N, C-alpha and C. Protein backbone atom coordinates (compact mmCIF):
# COMPACT_ATOMS: atom_id res chain seq x y z
N UNK A 1 114.71 97.03 67.60
CA UNK A 1 113.54 97.33 68.41
C UNK A 1 112.29 96.70 67.82
N UNK A 2 112.21 96.62 66.50
CA UNK A 2 111.00 96.16 65.84
C UNK A 2 110.61 94.73 66.24
N UNK A 3 111.60 93.86 66.48
CA UNK A 3 111.31 92.46 66.75
C UNK A 3 111.10 92.15 68.22
N UNK A 4 111.37 93.07 69.09
CA UNK A 4 111.25 92.82 70.52
C UNK A 4 109.78 92.72 70.93
N UNK A 5 109.52 91.81 71.85
CA UNK A 5 108.18 91.69 72.44
C UNK A 5 108.19 92.49 73.74
N UNK A 6 107.35 93.50 73.81
CA UNK A 6 107.28 94.36 74.99
C UNK A 6 106.16 93.89 75.92
N UNK A 7 106.29 94.17 77.22
CA UNK A 7 105.24 93.77 78.17
C UNK A 7 103.87 94.35 77.85
N UNK A 8 103.84 95.58 77.32
CA UNK A 8 102.57 96.21 76.92
C UNK A 8 102.52 96.21 75.40
N UNK A 9 101.52 95.53 74.86
CA UNK A 9 101.35 95.44 73.42
C UNK A 9 99.90 95.70 73.04
N UNK A 10 99.73 96.31 71.90
CA UNK A 10 98.40 96.55 71.34
C UNK A 10 98.50 96.43 69.83
N UNK A 11 97.40 96.16 69.20
CA UNK A 11 97.37 96.21 67.74
C UNK A 11 97.44 97.67 67.32
N UNK A 12 97.72 97.90 66.04
CA UNK A 12 97.76 99.26 65.54
C UNK A 12 96.41 99.95 65.76
N UNK A 13 95.33 99.25 65.53
CA UNK A 13 94.00 99.83 65.73
C UNK A 13 93.77 100.21 67.20
N UNK A 14 94.24 99.37 68.11
CA UNK A 14 94.10 99.67 69.53
C UNK A 14 94.94 100.89 69.92
N UNK A 15 96.17 100.97 69.42
CA UNK A 15 97.00 102.15 69.70
C UNK A 15 96.31 103.41 69.21
N UNK A 16 95.72 103.35 68.04
CA UNK A 16 95.05 104.53 67.48
C UNK A 16 93.86 104.96 68.33
N UNK A 17 93.18 103.99 68.96
CA UNK A 17 92.07 104.32 69.85
C UNK A 17 92.56 104.87 71.19
N UNK A 18 93.68 104.35 71.69
CA UNK A 18 94.19 104.73 73.00
C UNK A 18 94.92 106.07 73.02
N UNK A 19 95.50 106.45 71.91
CA UNK A 19 96.32 107.65 71.84
C UNK A 19 95.66 108.75 71.01
N UNK A 20 96.02 109.98 71.30
CA UNK A 20 95.58 111.08 70.44
C UNK A 20 96.34 110.96 69.13
N UNK A 21 95.89 111.61 68.07
CA UNK A 21 96.65 111.57 66.81
C UNK A 21 98.11 112.02 66.96
N UNK A 22 98.34 113.07 67.75
CA UNK A 22 99.71 113.55 67.95
C UNK A 22 100.54 112.53 68.73
N UNK A 23 99.96 111.94 69.77
CA UNK A 23 100.67 110.92 70.54
C UNK A 23 101.00 109.71 69.65
N UNK A 24 100.04 109.30 68.84
CA UNK A 24 100.27 108.16 67.95
C UNK A 24 101.40 108.47 66.96
N UNK A 25 101.40 109.66 66.39
CA UNK A 25 102.43 110.03 65.40
C UNK A 25 103.83 109.96 66.00
N UNK A 26 103.97 110.34 67.27
CA UNK A 26 105.29 110.31 67.91
C UNK A 26 105.60 108.92 68.45
N UNK A 27 104.74 108.40 69.32
CA UNK A 27 105.03 107.13 70.00
C UNK A 27 105.10 105.93 69.06
N UNK A 28 104.21 105.86 68.11
CA UNK A 28 104.15 104.69 67.23
C UNK A 28 104.77 104.97 65.87
N UNK A 29 104.76 106.24 65.44
CA UNK A 29 105.27 106.58 64.12
C UNK A 29 106.65 107.21 64.12
N UNK A 30 107.27 107.33 65.30
CA UNK A 30 108.61 107.89 65.43
C UNK A 30 108.67 109.34 64.96
N UNK A 31 107.58 110.06 65.13
CA UNK A 31 107.54 111.46 64.74
C UNK A 31 108.18 112.37 65.77
N UNK A 32 108.15 113.65 65.48
CA UNK A 32 108.69 114.67 66.39
C UNK A 32 107.72 115.84 66.42
N UNK A 33 107.41 116.29 67.63
CA UNK A 33 106.55 117.47 67.74
C UNK A 33 107.35 118.72 67.43
N UNK A 34 106.66 119.78 67.05
CA UNK A 34 107.33 121.05 66.79
C UNK A 34 107.99 121.55 68.08
N UNK A 35 109.18 122.11 68.01
CA UNK A 35 109.81 122.64 69.22
C UNK A 35 108.96 123.75 69.84
N UNK A 36 108.86 123.72 71.14
CA UNK A 36 108.10 124.74 71.87
C UNK A 36 106.61 124.55 71.86
N UNK A 37 106.12 123.45 71.27
CA UNK A 37 104.68 123.28 71.11
C UNK A 37 103.99 122.57 72.27
N UNK A 38 104.73 121.99 73.18
CA UNK A 38 104.11 121.21 74.26
C UNK A 38 104.15 121.96 75.58
N UNK A 39 103.03 121.99 76.28
CA UNK A 39 102.94 122.66 77.57
C UNK A 39 103.88 122.04 78.60
N UNK A 40 104.21 120.75 78.44
CA UNK A 40 105.10 120.11 79.41
C UNK A 40 106.51 120.67 79.37
N UNK A 41 106.85 121.38 78.33
CA UNK A 41 108.14 122.05 78.26
C UNK A 41 108.29 123.01 79.44
N UNK A 42 107.18 123.62 79.86
CA UNK A 42 107.19 124.62 80.92
C UNK A 42 106.75 124.07 82.27
N UNK A 43 106.58 122.77 82.39
CA UNK A 43 106.14 122.15 83.65
C UNK A 43 107.28 122.22 84.67
N UNK A 44 106.99 122.81 85.85
CA UNK A 44 108.02 122.96 86.88
C UNK A 44 107.65 122.34 88.22
N UNK A 45 106.45 121.77 88.32
CA UNK A 45 106.05 121.17 89.59
C UNK A 45 106.84 119.89 89.85
N UNK A 46 106.85 119.47 91.12
CA UNK A 46 107.44 118.18 91.48
C UNK A 46 106.52 117.08 91.00
N UNK A 47 107.11 116.03 90.45
CA UNK A 47 106.31 114.91 89.97
C UNK A 47 107.10 114.06 89.01
N UNK A 48 106.36 113.34 88.17
CA UNK A 48 106.99 112.40 87.24
C UNK A 48 106.40 112.56 85.85
N UNK A 49 107.26 112.36 84.87
CA UNK A 49 106.85 112.31 83.47
C UNK A 49 106.73 110.83 83.12
N UNK A 50 105.53 110.42 82.72
CA UNK A 50 105.26 109.01 82.45
C UNK A 50 104.94 108.82 80.98
N UNK A 51 105.14 107.61 80.50
CA UNK A 51 104.86 107.29 79.10
C UNK A 51 103.37 107.46 78.82
N UNK A 52 103.04 108.20 77.79
CA UNK A 52 101.64 108.40 77.41
C UNK A 52 101.03 107.12 76.84
N UNK A 53 101.85 106.18 76.46
CA UNK A 53 101.36 104.93 75.90
C UNK A 53 101.02 103.88 76.93
N UNK A 54 101.81 103.83 78.02
CA UNK A 54 101.60 102.74 78.98
C UNK A 54 101.63 103.17 80.43
N UNK A 55 101.96 104.41 80.71
CA UNK A 55 101.95 104.91 82.08
C UNK A 55 103.21 104.64 82.89
N UNK A 56 104.23 104.06 82.28
CA UNK A 56 105.47 103.79 83.02
C UNK A 56 106.18 105.11 83.36
N UNK A 57 106.68 105.21 84.60
CA UNK A 57 107.43 106.39 85.01
C UNK A 57 108.76 106.39 84.27
N UNK A 58 109.03 107.50 83.57
CA UNK A 58 110.23 107.63 82.74
C UNK A 58 111.26 108.57 83.34
N UNK A 59 110.81 109.76 83.76
CA UNK A 59 111.72 110.79 84.24
C UNK A 59 111.12 111.50 85.45
N UNK A 60 111.95 111.80 86.42
CA UNK A 60 111.55 112.61 87.57
C UNK A 60 111.70 114.08 87.20
N UNK A 61 110.81 114.90 87.73
CA UNK A 61 110.92 116.35 87.47
C UNK A 61 112.23 116.91 88.03
N UNK A 62 112.82 116.23 89.01
CA UNK A 62 114.09 116.67 89.58
C UNK A 62 115.23 116.55 88.58
N UNK A 63 115.06 115.77 87.52
CA UNK A 63 116.09 115.56 86.51
C UNK A 63 115.87 116.42 85.26
N UNK A 64 114.82 117.25 85.27
CA UNK A 64 114.48 118.09 84.12
C UNK A 64 115.30 119.38 84.16
N UNK A 65 115.70 119.85 82.98
CA UNK A 65 116.40 121.13 82.89
C UNK A 65 115.99 121.83 81.60
N UNK A 66 116.23 123.12 81.54
CA UNK A 66 115.91 123.91 80.35
C UNK A 66 117.11 123.90 79.42
N UNK A 67 117.01 123.14 78.34
CA UNK A 67 118.11 123.03 77.39
C UNK A 67 118.07 124.12 76.33
N UNK A 68 116.96 124.85 76.27
CA UNK A 68 116.81 125.89 75.25
C UNK A 68 116.51 125.35 73.87
N UNK A 69 116.20 124.05 73.78
CA UNK A 69 115.96 123.42 72.48
C UNK A 69 114.50 123.45 72.05
N UNK A 70 113.59 123.65 73.01
CA UNK A 70 112.17 123.62 72.69
C UNK A 70 111.50 122.31 73.01
N UNK A 71 112.25 121.36 73.58
CA UNK A 71 111.68 120.08 74.02
C UNK A 71 112.06 119.86 75.48
N UNK A 72 111.19 119.20 76.24
CA UNK A 72 111.57 118.85 77.62
C UNK A 72 112.86 118.03 77.60
N UNK A 73 113.80 118.41 78.48
CA UNK A 73 115.09 117.74 78.54
C UNK A 73 115.39 117.28 79.95
N UNK A 74 116.03 116.14 80.05
CA UNK A 74 116.34 115.50 81.32
C UNK A 74 117.78 115.01 81.28
N UNK A 75 118.45 114.96 82.45
CA UNK A 75 119.82 114.46 82.44
C UNK A 75 119.91 112.97 82.70
N UNK A 76 118.83 112.36 83.18
CA UNK A 76 118.85 110.91 83.38
C UNK A 76 117.42 110.39 83.55
N UNK A 77 117.18 109.15 83.10
CA UNK A 77 115.85 108.53 83.23
C UNK A 77 115.73 107.75 84.54
N UNK A 78 114.54 107.29 84.81
CA UNK A 78 114.33 106.35 85.91
C UNK A 78 115.02 105.02 85.54
N UNK A 79 115.52 104.28 86.51
CA UNK A 79 116.20 103.02 86.21
C UNK A 79 115.33 102.07 85.39
N UNK A 80 115.92 101.52 84.36
CA UNK A 80 115.29 100.50 83.50
C UNK A 80 114.02 100.95 82.78
N UNK A 81 113.78 102.25 82.70
CA UNK A 81 112.54 102.75 82.09
C UNK A 81 112.66 102.97 80.59
N UNK A 82 113.88 103.14 80.11
CA UNK A 82 114.07 103.41 78.69
C UNK A 82 115.06 102.43 78.09
N UNK A 83 115.00 102.34 76.78
CA UNK A 83 115.98 101.59 76.01
C UNK A 83 116.44 102.50 74.88
N UNK A 84 117.59 102.20 74.33
CA UNK A 84 118.11 103.02 73.24
C UNK A 84 118.37 102.15 72.02
N UNK A 85 118.34 102.79 70.87
CA UNK A 85 118.67 102.12 69.62
C UNK A 85 119.25 103.15 68.65
N UNK A 86 119.89 102.66 67.64
CA UNK A 86 120.48 103.54 66.62
C UNK A 86 119.37 104.05 65.69
N UNK A 87 119.40 105.33 65.43
CA UNK A 87 118.46 105.97 64.53
C UNK A 87 119.26 106.67 63.43
N UNK A 88 119.17 106.14 62.21
CA UNK A 88 119.92 106.76 61.11
C UNK A 88 118.98 107.39 60.09
N UNK A 89 117.82 107.84 60.56
CA UNK A 89 116.86 108.50 59.67
C UNK A 89 117.32 109.93 59.36
N UNK A 90 116.79 110.49 58.30
CA UNK A 90 117.03 111.87 57.89
C UNK A 90 118.50 112.19 57.66
N UNK A 91 119.29 111.18 57.30
CA UNK A 91 120.69 111.39 56.99
C UNK A 91 121.57 111.68 58.19
N UNK A 92 121.07 111.41 59.38
CA UNK A 92 121.83 111.63 60.62
C UNK A 92 121.96 110.31 61.36
N UNK A 93 122.95 110.22 62.22
CA UNK A 93 123.05 109.09 63.13
C UNK A 93 122.82 109.63 64.54
N UNK A 94 121.73 109.15 65.16
CA UNK A 94 121.39 109.60 66.51
C UNK A 94 121.08 108.39 67.36
N UNK A 95 120.93 108.61 68.66
CA UNK A 95 120.55 107.55 69.58
C UNK A 95 119.11 107.78 69.99
N UNK A 96 118.23 106.89 69.53
CA UNK A 96 116.81 106.98 69.85
C UNK A 96 116.55 106.47 71.26
N UNK A 97 115.59 107.10 71.93
CA UNK A 97 115.15 106.68 73.26
C UNK A 97 113.72 106.19 73.12
N UNK A 98 113.45 104.99 73.65
CA UNK A 98 112.09 104.49 73.64
C UNK A 98 111.75 103.84 74.97
N UNK A 99 110.46 103.74 75.26
CA UNK A 99 109.96 103.17 76.51
C UNK A 99 110.27 101.68 76.56
N UNK A 100 110.81 101.23 77.67
CA UNK A 100 111.16 99.81 77.81
C UNK A 100 109.94 98.93 78.04
N UNK A 101 108.80 99.54 78.33
CA UNK A 101 107.60 98.75 78.62
C UNK A 101 106.69 98.56 77.40
N UNK A 102 106.59 99.61 76.54
CA UNK A 102 105.71 99.50 75.37
C UNK A 102 106.44 99.73 74.05
N UNK A 103 107.70 100.14 74.11
CA UNK A 103 108.47 100.39 72.90
C UNK A 103 108.20 101.71 72.23
N UNK A 104 107.37 102.56 72.84
CA UNK A 104 107.02 103.84 72.23
C UNK A 104 108.23 104.76 72.07
N UNK A 105 108.31 105.42 70.91
CA UNK A 105 109.37 106.39 70.64
C UNK A 105 109.17 107.61 71.52
N UNK A 106 110.23 108.01 72.22
CA UNK A 106 110.15 109.17 73.11
C UNK A 106 110.93 110.36 72.58
N UNK A 107 112.07 110.10 71.98
CA UNK A 107 112.93 111.18 71.51
C UNK A 107 114.32 110.63 71.29
N UNK A 108 115.34 111.44 71.64
CA UNK A 108 116.73 111.06 71.43
C UNK A 108 117.57 111.51 72.62
N UNK A 109 118.74 110.91 72.76
CA UNK A 109 119.68 111.31 73.81
C UNK A 109 120.96 111.79 73.14
N UNK A 110 121.50 112.90 73.67
CA UNK A 110 122.69 113.53 73.12
C UNK A 110 123.73 113.73 74.22
N UNK A 111 125.01 113.73 73.86
CA UNK A 111 126.08 113.87 74.86
C UNK A 111 126.45 115.32 75.17
N UNK A 112 125.46 116.20 75.22
CA UNK A 112 125.74 117.62 75.47
C UNK A 112 124.95 118.17 76.64
N UNK A 113 124.65 117.31 77.61
CA UNK A 113 123.87 117.72 78.77
C UNK A 113 124.74 118.20 79.92
N UNK A 114 124.10 118.60 81.00
CA UNK A 114 124.83 119.12 82.16
C UNK A 114 125.41 117.99 83.02
N UNK A 115 126.34 118.35 83.92
CA UNK A 115 126.81 117.37 84.90
C UNK A 115 125.63 116.95 85.78
N UNK A 116 125.60 115.83 86.39
CA UNK A 116 126.73 114.91 86.45
C UNK A 116 126.78 113.90 85.30
N UNK A 117 125.72 113.76 84.51
CA UNK A 117 125.71 112.71 83.48
C UNK A 117 126.31 113.17 82.16
N UNK A 118 126.21 114.46 81.86
CA UNK A 118 126.66 114.97 80.57
C UNK A 118 125.72 114.59 79.44
N UNK A 119 124.53 114.08 79.78
CA UNK A 119 123.57 113.64 78.78
C UNK A 119 122.36 114.57 78.74
N UNK A 120 121.77 114.66 77.55
CA UNK A 120 120.52 115.41 77.37
C UNK A 120 119.51 114.50 76.71
N UNK A 121 118.56 114.03 77.49
CA UNK A 121 117.46 113.24 76.95
C UNK A 121 116.44 114.24 76.44
N UNK A 122 116.37 114.39 75.13
CA UNK A 122 115.50 115.35 74.45
C UNK A 122 114.21 114.61 74.12
N UNK A 123 113.15 114.88 74.88
CA UNK A 123 111.95 114.06 74.85
C UNK A 123 110.76 114.84 74.29
N UNK A 124 110.04 114.22 73.39
CA UNK A 124 108.80 114.81 72.89
C UNK A 124 107.80 114.87 74.03
N UNK A 125 107.36 116.07 74.38
CA UNK A 125 106.41 116.20 75.48
C UNK A 125 105.13 115.44 75.25
N UNK A 126 104.67 115.36 74.02
CA UNK A 126 103.42 114.67 73.70
C UNK A 126 103.53 113.16 73.95
N UNK A 127 104.74 112.64 74.05
CA UNK A 127 104.95 111.22 74.32
C UNK A 127 104.83 110.90 75.80
N UNK A 128 104.70 111.96 76.61
CA UNK A 128 104.60 111.77 78.06
C UNK A 128 103.37 112.49 78.61
N UNK A 129 103.03 112.11 79.80
CA UNK A 129 102.06 112.87 80.59
C UNK A 129 102.72 113.17 81.92
N UNK A 130 102.27 114.20 82.60
CA UNK A 130 102.86 114.59 83.86
C UNK A 130 101.95 114.19 85.00
N UNK A 131 102.54 113.57 86.01
CA UNK A 131 101.81 113.19 87.22
C UNK A 131 102.42 113.97 88.39
N UNK A 132 101.71 114.96 88.92
CA UNK A 132 102.27 115.74 90.02
C UNK A 132 102.36 114.92 91.30
N UNK A 133 103.30 115.29 92.17
CA UNK A 133 103.44 114.60 93.46
C UNK A 133 102.33 115.02 94.38
């Protein structure tokens, strides 16, 4: 992921100006918000969850479910909105999810979600913003 050129690019200084400190820590620093700390965890209106870094639509609210993990969870993303890569940090091997437009870290995907996909996209709420329909 590090060497890829994304359609939306900014210098580190520009990212720091565009994002809140928490958004920067997650999207650019591959951080994780505390479970249960984001208001978007409880968002139930119809709409879309978009990348806080570039505004790309990532997930429809129709694909959101309560996983009980403390992070917004979805069973599938919008087509071509995300990319995945191997994450072997913290002594674990996981599948990282990042925005296909700006490369921002969103969270991880796990194979323990509901039908029909069986996937759980565990997304840091601070990495997204909600746009109601």
